[in-house]
Amino acid sequence: MLNLANAVRQLKMERDQAQRRLEQLTAALKVLGDLGGVSRRLGGGQTAGKKRRHMSGRCPETNRRGSTRTLGEMEGNQT
């Protein structure tokens, strides 16, 4: 029974250390959030579920044509 009591005591100590570490990490995250250093968005500025929009100025219909266009059509030289 002595080994079991020691094991329980050791586990409680480790739990307390882990709890203190979590509190430190939470405090650090709060400080960073208050400084504006943490973004709540995913993917480097993208919100979850949204596709990235390109700045090319092309309309969505042009993007839907896909790979059926030839290289000449892509460059504007329609054959």
PDB file of N, CA and C in Angstrom:
ATOM      1  N   MET A   1       0.807  -1.198   0.000  1.00  0.00           N
ATOM      2  CA  MET A   1       0.000   0.000   0.000  1.00  0.00           C
ATOM      3  C   MET A   1       0.849   1.260   0.000  1.00  0.00           C
ATOM      4  N   LEU A   2       2.057   1.162   0.501  1.00  0.00           N
ATOM      5  CA  LEU A   2       2.927   2.328   0.541  1.00  0.00           C
ATOM      6  C   LEU A   2       3.252   2.815  -0.864  1.00  0.00           C
ATOM      7  N   ASN A   3       3.491   1.870  -1.802  1.00  0.00           N
ATOM      8  CA  ASN A   3       3.785   2.250  -3.183  1.00  0.00           C
ATOM      9  C   ASN A   3       2.595   2.948  -3.835  1.00  0.00           C
ATOM     10  N   LEU A   4       1.398   2.485  -3.530  1.00  0.00           N
ATOM     11  CA  LEU A   4       0.198   3.098  -4.093  1.00  0.00           C
ATOM     12  C   LEU A   4       0.027   4.525  -3.566  1.00  0.00           C
ATOM     13  N   ALA A   5       0.276   4.717  -2.287  1.00  0.00           N
ATOM     14  CA  ALA A   5       0.167   6.053  -1.700  1.00  0.00           C
ATOM     15  C   ALA A   5       1.204   6.995  -2.312  1.00  0.00           C
ATOM     16  N   ASN A   6       2.403   6.480  -2.543  1.00  0.00           N
ATOM     17  CA  ASN A   6       3.442   7.303  -3.177  1.00  0.00           C
ATOM     18  C   ASN A   6       3.057   7.658  -4.613  1.00  0.00           C
ATOM     19  N   ALA A   7       2.490   6.704  -5.310  1.00  0.00           N
ATOM     20  CA  ALA A   7       2.073   6.956  -6.684  1.00  0.00           C
ATOM     21  C   ALA A   7       0.975   8.016  -6.727  1.00  0.00           C
ATOM     22  N   VAL A   8       0.025   7.938  -5.828  1.00  0.00           N
ATOM     23  CA  VAL A   8      -1.058   8.926  -5.772  1.00  0.00           C
ATOM     24  C   VAL A   8      -0.496  10.300  -5.446  1.00  0.00           C
ATOM     25  N   ARG A   9       0.408  10.372  -4.499  1.00  0.00           N
ATOM     26  CA  ARG A   9       1.020  11.651  -4.136  1.00  0.00           C
ATOM     27  C   ARG A   9       1.787  12.248  -5.316  1.00  0.00           C
ATOM     28  N   GLN A  10       2.538  11.409  -6.017  1.00  0.00           N
ATOM     29  CA  GLN A  10       3.306  11.865  -7.181  1.00  0.00           C
ATOM     30  C   GLN A  10       2.375  12.395  -8.278  1.00  0.00           C
ATOM     31  N   LEU A  11       1.296  11.667  -8.535  1.00  0.00           N
ATOM     32  CA  LEU A  11       0.344  12.103  -9.555  1.00  0.00           C
ATOM     33  C   LEU A  11      -0.313  13.433  -9.191  1.00  0.00           C
ATOM     34  N   LYS A  12      -0.627  13.619  -7.928  1.00  0.00           N
ATOM     35  CA  LYS A  12      -1.217  14.886  -7.488  1.00  0.00           C
ATOM     36  C   LYS A  12      -0.235  16.033  -7.674  1.00  0.00           C
ATOM     37  N   MET A  13       1.043  15.790  -7.360  1.00  0.00           N
ATOM     38  CA  MET A  13       2.057  16.825  -7.556  1.00  0.00           C
ATOM     39  C   MET A  13       2.176  17.197  -9.031  1.00  0.00           C
ATOM     40  N   GLU A  14       2.192  16.190  -9.891  1.00  0.00           N
ATOM     41  CA  GLU A  14       2.296  16.445 -11.324  1.00  0.00           C
ATOM     42  C   GLU A  14       1.063  17.189 -11.842  1.00  0.00           C
ATOM     43  N   ARG A  15      -0.110  16.840 -11.322  1.00  0.00           N
ATOM     44  CA  ARG A  15      -1.337  17.534 -11.707  1.00  0.00           C
ATOM     45  C   ARG A  15      -1.270  18.998 -11.301  1.00  0.00           C
ATOM     46  N   ASP A  16      -0.790  19.275 -10.096  1.00  0.00           N
ATOM     47  CA  ASP A  16      -0.675  20.653  -9.623  1.00  0.00           C
ATOM     48  C   ASP A  16       0.313  21.453 -10.478  1.00  0.00           C
ATOM     49  N   GLN A  17       1.427  20.817 -10.851  1.00  0.00           N
ATOM     50  CA  GLN A  17       2.402  21.484 -11.712  1.00  0.00           C
ATOM     51  C   GLN A  17       1.798  21.781 -13.079  1.00  0.00           C
ATOM     52  N   ALA A  18       1.075  20.826 -13.619  1.00  0.00           N
ATOM     53  CA  ALA A  18       0.435  21.030 -14.918  1.00  0.00           C
ATOM     54  C   ALA A  18      -0.600  22.147 -14.846  1.00  0.00           C
ATOM     55  N   GLN A  19      -1.341  22.211 -13.753  1.00  0.00           N
ATOM     56  CA  GLN A  19      -2.340  23.266 -13.576  1.00  0.00           C
ATOM     57  C   GLN A  19      -1.672  24.638 -13.526  1.00  0.00           C
ATOM     58  N   ARG A  20      -0.556  24.744 -12.792  1.00  0.00           N
ATOM     59  CA  ARG A  20       0.162  26.019 -12.730  1.00  0.00           C
ATOM     60  C   ARG A  20       0.693  26.414 -14.106  1.00  0.00           C
ATOM     61  N   ARG A  21       1.192  25.438 -14.853  1.00  0.00           N
ATOM     62  CA  ARG A  21       1.713  25.709 -16.200  1.00  0.00           C
ATOM     63  C   ARG A  21       0.595  26.189 -17.127  1.00  0.00           C
ATOM     64  N   LEU A  22      -0.568  25.578 -17.034  1.00  0.00           N
ATOM     65  CA  LEU A  22      -1.712  26.008 -17.836  1.00  0.00           C
ATOM     66  C   LEU A  22      -2.124  27.440 -17.495  1.00  0.00           C
ATOM     67  N   GLU A  23      -2.086  27.768 -16.218  1.00  0.00           N
ATOM     68  CA  GLU A  23      -2.423  29.127 -15.806  1.00  0.00           C
ATOM     69  C   GLU A  23      -1.417  30.132 -16.368  1.00  0.00           C
ATOM     70  N   GLN A  24      -0.140  29.764 -16.402  1.00  0.00           N
ATOM     71  CA  GLN A  24       0.876  30.635 -16.977  1.00  0.00           C
ATOM     72  C   GLN A  24       0.648  30.826 -18.470  1.00  0.00           C
ATOM     73  N   LEU A  25       0.344  29.739 -19.165  1.00  0.00           N
ATOM     74  CA  LEU A  25       0.101  29.828 -20.600  1.00  0.00           C
ATOM     75  C   LEU A  25      -1.145  30.653 -20.910  1.00  0.00           C
ATOM     76  N   THR A  26      -2.172  30.487 -20.103  1.00  0.00           N
ATOM     77  CA  THR A  26      -3.391  31.269 -20.279  1.00  0.00           C
ATOM     78  C   THR A  26      -3.114  32.752 -20.086  1.00  0.00           C
ATOM     79  N   ALA A  27      -2.335  33.077 -19.086  1.00  0.00           N
ATOM     80  CA  ALA A  27      -1.989  34.480 -18.841  1.00  0.00           C
ATOM     81  C   ALA A  27      -1.170  35.043 -20.004  1.00  0.00           C
ATOM     82  N   ALA A  28      -0.238  34.266 -20.517  1.00  0.00           N
ATOM     83  CA  ALA A  28       0.585  34.727 -21.641  1.00  0.00           C
ATOM     84  C   ALA A  28      -0.275  34.953 -22.884  1.00  0.00           C
ATOM     85  N   LEU A  29      -1.202  34.045 -23.150  1.00  0.00           N
ATOM     86  CA  LEU A  29      -2.097  34.214 -24.297  1.00  0.00           C
ATOM     87  C   LEU A  29      -2.983  35.439 -24.139  1.00  0.00           C
ATOM     88  N   LYS A  30      -3.408  35.708 -22.931  1.00  0.00           N
ATOM     89  CA  LYS A  30      -4.244  36.888 -22.680  1.00  0.00           C
ATOM     90  C   LYS A  30      -3.461  38.159 -22.955  1.00  0.00           C
ATOM     91  N   VAL A  31      -2.213  38.203 -22.514  1.00  0.00           N
ATOM     92  CA  VAL A  31      -1.378  39.376 -22.758  1.00  0.00           C
ATOM     93  C   VAL A  31      -1.187  39.581 -24.253  1.00  0.00           C
ATOM     94  N   LEU A  32      -0.889  38.520 -24.977  1.00  0.00           N
ATOM     95  CA  LEU A  32      -0.708  38.637 -26.423  1.00  0.00           C
ATOM     96  C   LEU A  32      -1.993  39.082 -27.103  1.00  0.00           C
ATOM     97  N   GLY A  33      -3.116  38.553 -26.650  1.00  0.00           N
ATOM     98  CA  GLY A  33      -4.397  38.951 -27.221  1.00  0.00           C
ATOM     99  C   GLY A  33      -4.693  40.411 -26.965  1.00  0.00           C
ATOM    100  N   ASP A  34      -4.356  40.892 -25.790  1.00  0.00           N
ATOM    101  CA  ASP A  34      -4.579  42.297 -25.459  1.00  0.00           C
ATOM    102  C   ASP A  34      -3.692  43.221 -26.291  1.00  0.00           C
ATOM    103  N   LEU A  35      -2.524  42.719 -26.688  1.00  0.00           N
ATOM    104  CA  LEU A  35      -1.611  43.522 -27.509  1.00  0.00           C
ATOM    105  C   LEU A  35      -2.015  43.507 -28.978  1.00  0.00           C
ATOM    106  N   GLY A  36      -2.954  42.652 -29.335  1.00  0.00           N
ATOM    107  CA  GLY A  36      -3.362  42.538 -30.727  1.00  0.00           C
ATOM    108  C   GLY A  36      -2.482  41.584 -31.502  1.00  0.00           C
ATOM    109  N   GLY A  37      -1.683  40.800 -30.820  1.00  0.00           N
ATOM    110  CA  GLY A  37      -0.769  39.888 -31.490  1.00  0.00           C
ATOM    111  C   GLY A  37      -1.373  38.547 -31.839  1.00  0.00           C
ATOM    112  N   VAL A  38      -2.612  38.309 -31.426  1.00  0.00           N
ATOM    113  CA  VAL A  38      -3.237  37.028 -31.716  1.00  0.00           C
ATOM    114  C   VAL A  38      -4.482  37.283 -32.544  1.00  0.00           C
ATOM    115  N   SER A  39      -4.512  36.667 -33.720  1.00  0.00           N
ATOM    116  CA  SER A  39      -5.685  36.790 -34.576  1.00  0.00           C
ATOM    117  C   SER A  39      -6.624  35.635 -34.291  1.00  0.00           C
ATOM    118  N   ARG A  40      -7.899  35.914 -34.247  1.00  0.00           N
ATOM    119  CA  ARG A  40      -8.876  34.857 -34.007  1.00  0.00           C
ATOM    120  C   ARG A  40      -9.291  34.174 -35.295  1.00  0.00           C
ATOM    121  N   ARG A  41      -8.742  34.621 -36.413  1.00  0.00           N
ATOM    122  CA  ARG A  41      -9.095  34.004 -37.683  1.00  0.00           C
ATOM    123  C   ARG A  41      -8.128  32.876 -37.982  1.00  0.00           C
ATOM    124  N   LEU A  42      -8.563  31.975 -38.857  1.00  0.00           N
ATOM    125  CA  LEU A  42      -7.759  30.810 -39.205  1.00  0.00           C
ATOM    126  C   LEU A  42      -7.037  31.039 -40.524  1.00  0.00           C
ATOM    127  N   GLY A  43      -5.972  30.307 -40.736  1.00  0.00           N
ATOM    128  CA  GLY A  43      -5.311  30.303 -42.031  1.00  0.00           C
ATOM    129  C   GLY A  43      -4.598  31.589 -42.390  1.00  0.00           C
ATOM    130  N   GLY A  44      -4.011  32.255 -41.455  1.00  0.00           N
ATOM    131  CA  GLY A  44      -3.258  33.457 -41.754  1.00  0.00           C
ATOM    132  C   GLY A  44      -4.126  34.601 -42.244  1.00  0.00           C
ATOM    133  N   GLY A  45      -5.272  34.781 -41.658  1.00  0.00           N
ATOM    134  CA  GLY A  45      -6.131  35.890 -42.022  1.00  0.00           C
ATOM    135  C   GLY A  45      -7.400  35.465 -42.723  1.00  0.00           C
ATOM    136  N   GLN A  46      -7.497  34.225 -43.100  1.00  0.00           N
ATOM    137  CA  GLN A  46      -8.720  33.755 -43.737  1.00  0.00           C
ATOM    138  C   GLN A  46      -9.646  33.191 -42.682  1.00  0.00           C
ATOM    139  N   THR A  47     -10.921  33.432 -42.855  1.00  0.00           N
ATOM    140  CA  THR A  47     -11.868  32.829 -41.944  1.00  0.00           C
ATOM    141  C   THR A  47     -12.161  31.420 -42.408  1.00  0.00           C
ATOM    142  N   ALA A  48     -12.569  30.586 -41.510  1.00  0.00           N
ATOM    143  CA  ALA A  48     -12.815  29.183 -41.829  1.00  0.00           C
ATOM    144  C   ALA A  48     -13.922  29.069 -42.864  1.00  0.00           C
ATOM    145  N   GLY A  49     -13.701  28.262 -43.881  1.00  0.00           N
ATOM    146  CA  GLY A  49     -14.722  27.976 -44.867  1.00  0.00           C
ATOM    147  C   GLY A  49     -14.761  28.931 -46.041  1.00  0.00           C
ATOM    148  N   LYS A  50     -13.978  29.990 -46.027  1.00  0.00           N
ATOM    149  CA  LYS A  50     -13.978  30.927 -47.141  1.00  0.00           C
ATOM    150  C   LYS A  50     -12.799  30.660 -48.050  1.00  0.00           C
ATOM    151  N   LYS A  51     -13.056  30.792 -49.353  1.00  0.00           N
ATOM    152  CA  LYS A  51     -11.973  30.628 -50.309  1.00  0.00           C
ATOM    153  C   LYS A  51     -11.241  31.947 -50.472  1.00  0.00           C
ATOM    154  N   ARG A  52      -9.993  31.855 -50.807  1.00  0.00           N
ATOM    155  CA  ARG A  52      -9.192  33.045 -51.031  1.00  0.00           C
ATOM    156  C   ARG A  52      -9.556  33.638 -52.388  1.00  0.00           C
ATOM    157  N   ARG A  53      -9.728  34.940 -52.435  1.00  0.00           N
ATOM    158  CA  ARG A  53     -10.050  35.619 -53.682  1.00  0.00           C
ATOM    159  C   ARG A  53      -8.791  36.251 -54.239  1.00  0.00           C
ATOM    160  N   HIS A  54      -8.563  36.062 -55.516  1.00  0.00           N
ATOM    161  CA  HIS A  54      -7.390  36.609 -56.169  1.00  0.00           C
ATOM    162  C   HIS A  54      -7.649  38.044 -56.607  1.00  0.00           C
ATOM    163  N   MET A  55      -6.600  38.812 -56.713  1.00  0.00           N
ATOM    164  CA  MET A  55      -6.711  40.210 -57.064  1.00  0.00           C
ATOM    165  C   MET A  55      -6.565  40.436 -58.569  1.00  0.00           C
ATOM    166  N   SER A  56      -6.770  39.415 -59.376  1.00  0.00           N
ATOM    167  CA  SER A  56      -6.533  39.531 -60.807  1.00  0.00           C
ATOM    168  C   SER A  56      -7.593  40.346 -61.518  1.00  0.00           C
ATOM    169  N   GLY A  57      -8.753  40.522 -60.917  1.00  0.00           N
ATOM    170  CA  GLY A  57      -9.812  41.283 -61.556  1.00  0.00           C
ATOM    171  C   GLY A  57     -10.672  40.450 -62.479  1.00  0.00           C
ATOM    172  N   ARG A  58     -10.381  39.178 -62.586  1.00  0.00           N
ATOM    173  CA  ARG A  58     -11.184  38.322 -63.450  1.00  0.00           C
ATOM    174  C   ARG A  58     -12.505  38.022 -62.771  1.00  0.00           C
ATOM    175  N   CYS A  59     -13.532  37.894 -63.572  1.00  0.00           N
ATOM    176  CA  CYS A  59     -14.841  37.594 -63.029  1.00  0.00           C
ATOM    177  C   CYS A  59     -14.954  36.105 -62.715  1.00  0.00           C
ATOM    178  N   PRO A  60     -15.897  35.697 -61.890  1.00  0.00           N
ATOM    179  CA  PRO A  60     -16.049  34.286 -61.536  1.00  0.00           C
ATOM    180  C   PRO A  60     -16.317  33.392 -62.739  1.00  0.00           C
ATOM    181  N   GLU A  61     -16.995  33.917 -63.770  1.00  0.00           N
ATOM    182  CA  GLU A  61     -17.264  33.097 -64.948  1.00  0.00           C
ATOM    183  C   GLU A  61     -15.963  32.694 -65.632  1.00  0.00           C
ATOM    184  N   THR A  62     -15.009  33.593 -65.640  1.00  0.00           N
ATOM    185  CA  THR A  62     -13.719  33.292 -66.252  1.00  0.00           C
ATOM    186  C   THR A  62     -13.019  32.189 -65.468  1.00  0.00           C
ATOM    187  N   ASN A  63     -13.121  32.238 -64.158  1.00  0.00           N
ATOM    188  CA  ASN A  63     -12.476  31.223 -63.324  1.00  0.00           C
ATOM    189  C   ASN A  63     -13.129  29.862 -63.499  1.00  0.00           C
ATOM    190  N   ARG A  64     -14.403  29.828 -63.825  1.00  0.00           N
ATOM    191  CA  ARG A  64     -15.112  28.557 -63.956  1.00  0.00           C
ATOM    192  C   ARG A  64     -14.784  27.829 -65.240  1.00  0.00           C
ATOM    193  N   ARG A  65     -14.229  28.542 -66.207  1.00  0.00           N
ATOM    194  CA  ARG A  65     -13.938  27.878 -67.476  1.00  0.00           C
ATOM    195  C   ARG A  65     -12.927  26.755 -67.294  1.00  0.00           C
ATOM    196  N   GLY A  66     -12.092  26.882 -66.327  1.00  0.00           N
ATOM    197  CA  GLY A  66     -11.173  25.800 -65.984  1.00  0.00           C
ATOM    198  C   GLY A  66     -10.089  25.580 -67.009  1.00  0.00           C
ATOM    199  N   SER A  67      -9.672  24.332 -67.145  1.00  0.00           N
ATOM    200  CA  SER A  67      -8.523  24.007 -67.984  1.00  0.00           C
ATOM    201  C   SER A  67      -8.906  23.702 -69.414  1.00  0.00           C
ATOM    202  N   THR A  68     -10.106  24.017 -69.827  1.00  0.00           N
ATOM    203  CA  THR A  68     -10.505  23.737 -71.201  1.00  0.00           C
ATOM    204  C   THR A  68      -9.975  24.791 -72.161  1.00  0.00           C
ATOM    205  N   ARG A  69      -9.434  25.865 -71.644  1.00  0.00           N
ATOM    206  CA  ARG A  69      -8.898  26.919 -72.498  1.00  0.00           C
ATOM    207  C   ARG A  69      -7.501  26.557 -72.969  1.00  0.00           C
ATOM    208  N   THR A  70      -7.147  27.010 -74.138  1.00  0.00           N
ATOM    209  CA  THR A  70      -5.807  26.772 -74.654  1.00  0.00           C
ATOM    210  C   THR A  70      -4.877  27.839 -74.130  1.00  0.00           C
ATOM    211  N   LEU A  71      -3.598  27.644 -74.316  1.00  0.00           N
ATOM    212  CA  LEU A  71      -2.616  28.618 -73.862  1.00  0.00           C
ATOM    213  C   LEU A  71      -2.833  29.952 -74.563  1.00  0.00           C
ATOM    214  N   GLY A  72      -3.159  29.920 -75.851  1.00  0.00           N
ATOM    215  CA  GLY A  72      -3.415  31.163 -76.600  1.00  0.00           C
ATOM    216  C   GLY A  72      -4.601  31.909 -76.047  1.00  0.00           C
ATOM    217  N   GLU A  73      -5.651  31.198 -75.644  1.00  0.00           N
ATOM    218  CA  GLU A  73      -6.819  31.847 -75.078  1.00  0.00           C
ATOM    219  C   GLU A  73      -6.481  32.457 -73.721  1.00  0.00           C
ATOM    220  N   MET A  74      -5.646  31.778 -72.979  1.00  0.00           N
ATOM    221  CA  MET A  74      -5.272  32.293 -71.671  1.00  0.00           C
ATOM    222  C   MET A  74      -4.467  33.575 -71.783  1.00  0.00           C
ATOM    223  N   GLU A  75      -3.682  33.707 -72.860  1.00  0.00           N
ATOM    224  CA  GLU A  75      -2.859  34.900 -73.042  1.00  0.00           C
ATOM    225  C   GLU A  75      -3.638  36.005 -73.741  1.00  0.00           C
ATOM    226  N   GLY A  76      -4.839  35.725 -74.157  1.00  0.00           N
ATOM    227  CA  GLY A  76      -5.645  36.735 -74.826  1.00  0.00           C
ATOM    228  C   GLY A  76      -5.591  36.624 -76.338  1.00  0.00           C
ATOM    229  N   ASN A  77      -4.845  35.685 -76.856  1.00  0.00           N
ATOM    230  CA  ASN A  77      -4.757  35.471 -78.312  1.00  0.00           C
ATOM    231  C   ASN A  77      -5.729  34.374 -78.692  1.00  0.00           C
ATOM    232  N   GLN A  78      -6.962  34.723 -78.867  1.00  0.00           N
ATOM    233  CA  GLN A  78      -7.964  33.707 -79.176  1.00  0.00           C
ATOM    234  C   GLN A  78      -7.791  33.244 -80.611  1.00  0.00           C
ATOM    235  N   THR A  79      -7.825  31.930 -80.812  1.00  0.00           N
ATOM    236  CA  THR A  79      -7.646  31.358 -82.137  1.00  0.00           C
ATOM    237  C   THR A  79      -8.941  30.879 -82.711  1.00  0.00           C
TER     238      THR A  79
END
